[in-house]
Amino acid sequence: MTFEELSGQDNTATTGDRMQTAGTALEELLVSAKKQDCLTVGVYESAQVMNVDPDSVAFCVLATDEEYEYDIALQIHFTLIQAFCFDNDINIVRVNDIERLADIVGCDQDEEPKDAHCILVTRPNDDSWKDSALDKLGLFCEESRNVYEWVPSITLPER
């Protein structure tokens, strides 16, 4: 066995634990941000917030699933949002379960459907809101960038 194979085995277990922890932290962050009215849901709504007040953005989530995997317009929006986030030092992750994400942020089926492909967590103006889940996700993103994973994927915990 080579060193790369050995270290790859260790990294697989560690990566799985990190992703599970990050998934739980993401769910906690989204629930907390929703209670504080610090969520922006939707690609266009997120673009407006980023254009008007980029300093208020604390975290970005991009979501897709198999149905939208080859949607060229959505992929272009994702590329532009990612570039903006990189330029403004905003942590960003991908989630591959848009339905689960929509459930967490409260996109009701009864109302007009909201676009949950992009979700921003913003900071309130008074800066009184501190969230340990945001800190955990920031660390997760930093560790991911250290291994050249610029937009890490997170799996949300199942209910």
Protein backbone atom coordinates (compact mmCIF):
# COMPACT_ATOMS: atom_id res chain seq x y z
CA MET A 1 0.00 0.00 0.00
CA THR A 2 1.27 3.47 -0.86
CA PHE A 3 1.27 6.48 1.41
CA GLU A 4 -1.39 8.12 -0.75
CA GLU A 5 -3.68 5.09 -0.36
CA LEU A 6 -3.18 5.07 3.41
CA SER A 7 -3.78 8.76 3.84
CA GLY A 8 -6.77 8.56 1.45
CA GLN A 9 -8.43 5.98 3.70
CA ASP A 10 -7.99 8.16 6.75
CA ASN A 11 -9.25 11.20 4.90
CA THR A 12 -12.41 9.41 3.76
CA ALA A 13 -13.54 8.77 7.34
CA THR A 14 -12.52 12.24 8.43
CA THR A 15 -14.24 13.85 5.44
CA GLY A 16 -17.47 11.95 6.16
CA ASP A 17 -17.45 13.13 9.78
CA ARG A 18 -16.69 16.70 8.72
CA MET A 19 -19.52 16.69 6.17
CA GLN A 20 -21.99 15.30 8.70
CA THR A 21 -20.98 17.91 11.26
CA ALA A 22 -21.15 20.63 8.60
CA GLY A 23 -24.61 19.44 7.50
CA THR A 24 -25.91 19.66 11.05
CA ALA A 25 -24.30 23.09 11.51
CA LEU A 26 -25.85 24.31 8.25
CA GLU A 27 -29.31 23.22 9.34
CA GLU A 28 -28.82 24.94 12.73
CA LEU A 29 -27.61 28.12 11.03
CA LEU A 30 -30.53 28.26 8.61
CA VAL A 31 -33.10 27.69 11.36
CA SER A 32 -31.48 30.32 13.57
CA ALA A 33 -31.14 32.83 10.72
CA LYS A 34 -34.79 32.31 9.77
CA LYS A 35 -35.86 33.10 13.35
CA GLN A 36 -33.74 36.27 13.25
CA ASP A 37 -35.13 37.22 9.82
CA CYS A 38 -31.63 37.05 8.35
CA LEU A 39 -32.32 34.86 5.30
CA THR A 40 -32.58 35.84 1.66
CA VAL A 41 -34.03 33.08 -0.49
CA GLY A 42 -33.79 33.09 -4.28
CA VAL A 43 -31.18 33.70 -6.96
CA TYR A 44 -32.46 37.14 -7.99
CA GLU A 45 -33.23 38.24 -4.44
CA SER A 46 -29.72 37.20 -3.39
CA ALA A 47 -28.18 39.08 -6.30
CA GLN A 48 -30.02 42.23 -5.21
CA VAL A 49 -28.74 41.92 -1.62
CA MET A 50 -25.20 41.28 -2.85
CA ASN A 51 -25.39 44.33 -5.11
CA VAL A 52 -26.87 46.69 -2.52
CA ASP A 53 -25.08 45.59 0.67
CA PRO A 54 -22.38 42.93 0.16
CA ASP A 55 -20.96 43.54 3.66
CA SER A 56 -24.17 42.26 5.22
CA VAL A 57 -23.74 38.78 3.70
CA ALA A 58 -22.31 36.25 6.15
CA PHE A 59 -22.80 32.96 4.27
CA CYS A 60 -24.06 31.63 0.93
CA VAL A 61 -25.70 28.31 0.06
CA LEU A 62 -26.14 27.14 -3.52
CA ALA A 63 -28.55 24.26 -4.04
CA THR A 64 -29.39 22.04 -6.94
CA ASP A 65 -30.50 18.51 -7.65
CA GLU A 66 -30.63 16.16 -10.63
CA GLU A 67 -33.53 18.03 -12.19
CA TYR A 68 -31.51 21.27 -12.46
CA GLU A 69 -28.04 19.78 -12.97
CA TYR A 70 -27.94 20.75 -16.66
CA ASP A 71 -29.79 24.06 -16.40
CA ILE A 72 -27.29 26.33 -18.16
CA ALA A 73 -28.85 29.59 -16.95
CA LEU A 74 -28.75 28.39 -13.33
CA GLN A 75 -25.12 27.29 -13.70
CA ILE A 76 -24.22 30.74 -15.07
CA HIS A 77 -25.92 32.37 -12.07
CA PHE A 78 -24.02 30.01 -9.75
CA THR A 79 -20.71 30.93 -11.41
CA LEU A 80 -21.39 34.65 -10.99
CA ILE A 81 -22.52 34.23 -7.36
CA GLN A 82 -19.44 32.14 -6.58
CA ALA A 83 -17.15 34.77 -8.12
CA PHE A 84 -18.85 37.49 -6.09
CA CYS A 85 -18.50 35.45 -2.90
CA PHE A 86 -14.81 34.80 -3.55
CA ASP A 87 -14.17 38.50 -4.24
CA ASN A 88 -15.95 39.52 -1.02
CA ASP A 89 -14.60 36.76 1.28
CA ILE A 90 -18.03 35.19 1.77
CA ASN A 91 -18.03 31.50 2.66
CA ILE A 92 -20.06 29.42 0.24
CA VAL A 93 -21.21 25.79 0.09
CA ARG A 94 -23.26 23.58 -2.21
CA VAL A 95 -26.16 21.36 -1.20
CA ASN A 96 -27.53 18.63 -3.47
CA ASP A 97 -30.96 18.29 -1.88
CA ILE A 98 -33.00 21.34 -2.79
CA GLU A 99 -36.26 19.91 -1.42
CA ARG A 100 -34.76 19.32 2.02
CA LEU A 101 -33.22 22.79 1.96
CA ALA A 102 -36.56 24.33 0.98
CA ASP A 103 -38.20 22.50 3.91
CA ILE A 104 -35.64 23.93 6.34
CA VAL A 105 -36.03 27.54 5.18
CA GLY A 106 -39.81 27.27 4.99
CA CYS A 107 -40.63 27.38 1.31
CA ASP A 108 -44.28 26.37 1.62
CA GLN A 109 -45.95 24.34 -1.10
CA ASP A 110 -49.23 26.25 -0.52
CA GLU A 111 -47.75 29.65 -1.31
CA GLU A 112 -46.10 30.76 -4.50
CA PRO A 113 -42.99 28.55 -4.71
CA LYS A 114 -39.78 30.28 -3.73
CA ASP A 115 -36.54 29.70 -5.56
CA ALA A 116 -34.32 27.93 -3.02
CA HIS A 117 -31.36 27.60 -5.39
CA CYS A 118 -29.50 30.38 -3.59
CA ILE A 119 -29.83 31.28 0.06
CA LEU A 120 -27.93 34.02 1.81
CA VAL A 121 -27.49 34.37 5.54
CA THR A 122 -27.13 38.05 6.34
CA ARG A 123 -25.95 39.82 9.46
CA PRO A 124 -28.41 42.07 11.26
CA ASN A 125 -27.48 45.72 11.46
CA ASP A 126 -26.93 45.69 15.23
CA ASP A 127 -24.30 42.89 15.06
CA SER A 128 -25.79 41.33 18.21
CA TRP A 129 -26.44 37.99 16.52
CA LYS A 130 -23.62 35.52 17.02
CA ASP A 131 -24.02 31.93 15.91
CA SER A 132 -21.67 29.04 16.71
CA ALA A 133 -22.99 27.16 13.65
CA LEU A 134 -21.75 30.02 11.44
CA ASP A 135 -18.33 29.73 13.08
CA LYS A 136 -18.29 25.95 12.51
CA LEU A 137 -19.22 26.40 8.86
CA GLY A 138 -16.58 29.08 8.43
CA LEU A 139 -13.97 26.67 9.77
CA PHE A 140 -15.31 23.90 7.49
CA CYS A 141 -15.01 26.19 4.45
CA GLU A 142 -11.51 27.28 5.45
CA GLU A 143 -10.38 23.67 5.87
CA SER A 144 -11.91 22.81 2.50
CA ARG A 145 -10.08 25.65 0.77
CA ASN A 146 -6.83 24.40 2.31
CA VAL A 147 -7.27 21.19 0.30
CA TYR A 148 -8.31 23.13 -2.83
CA GLU A 149 -12.02 22.45 -2.54
CA TRP A 150 -13.25 25.96 -3.20
CA VAL A 151 -16.99 25.30 -2.97
CA PRO A 152 -17.46 22.30 -0.69
CA SER A 153 -20.58 20.18 -0.85
CA ILE A 154 -22.59 19.51 2.28
CA THR A 155 -25.11 16.77 2.88
CA LEU A 156 -27.96 17.84 5.11
CA PRO A 157 -28.96 15.43 7.89
CA GLU A 158 -32.06 13.39 7.18
CA ARG A 159 -35.18 13.71 9.28
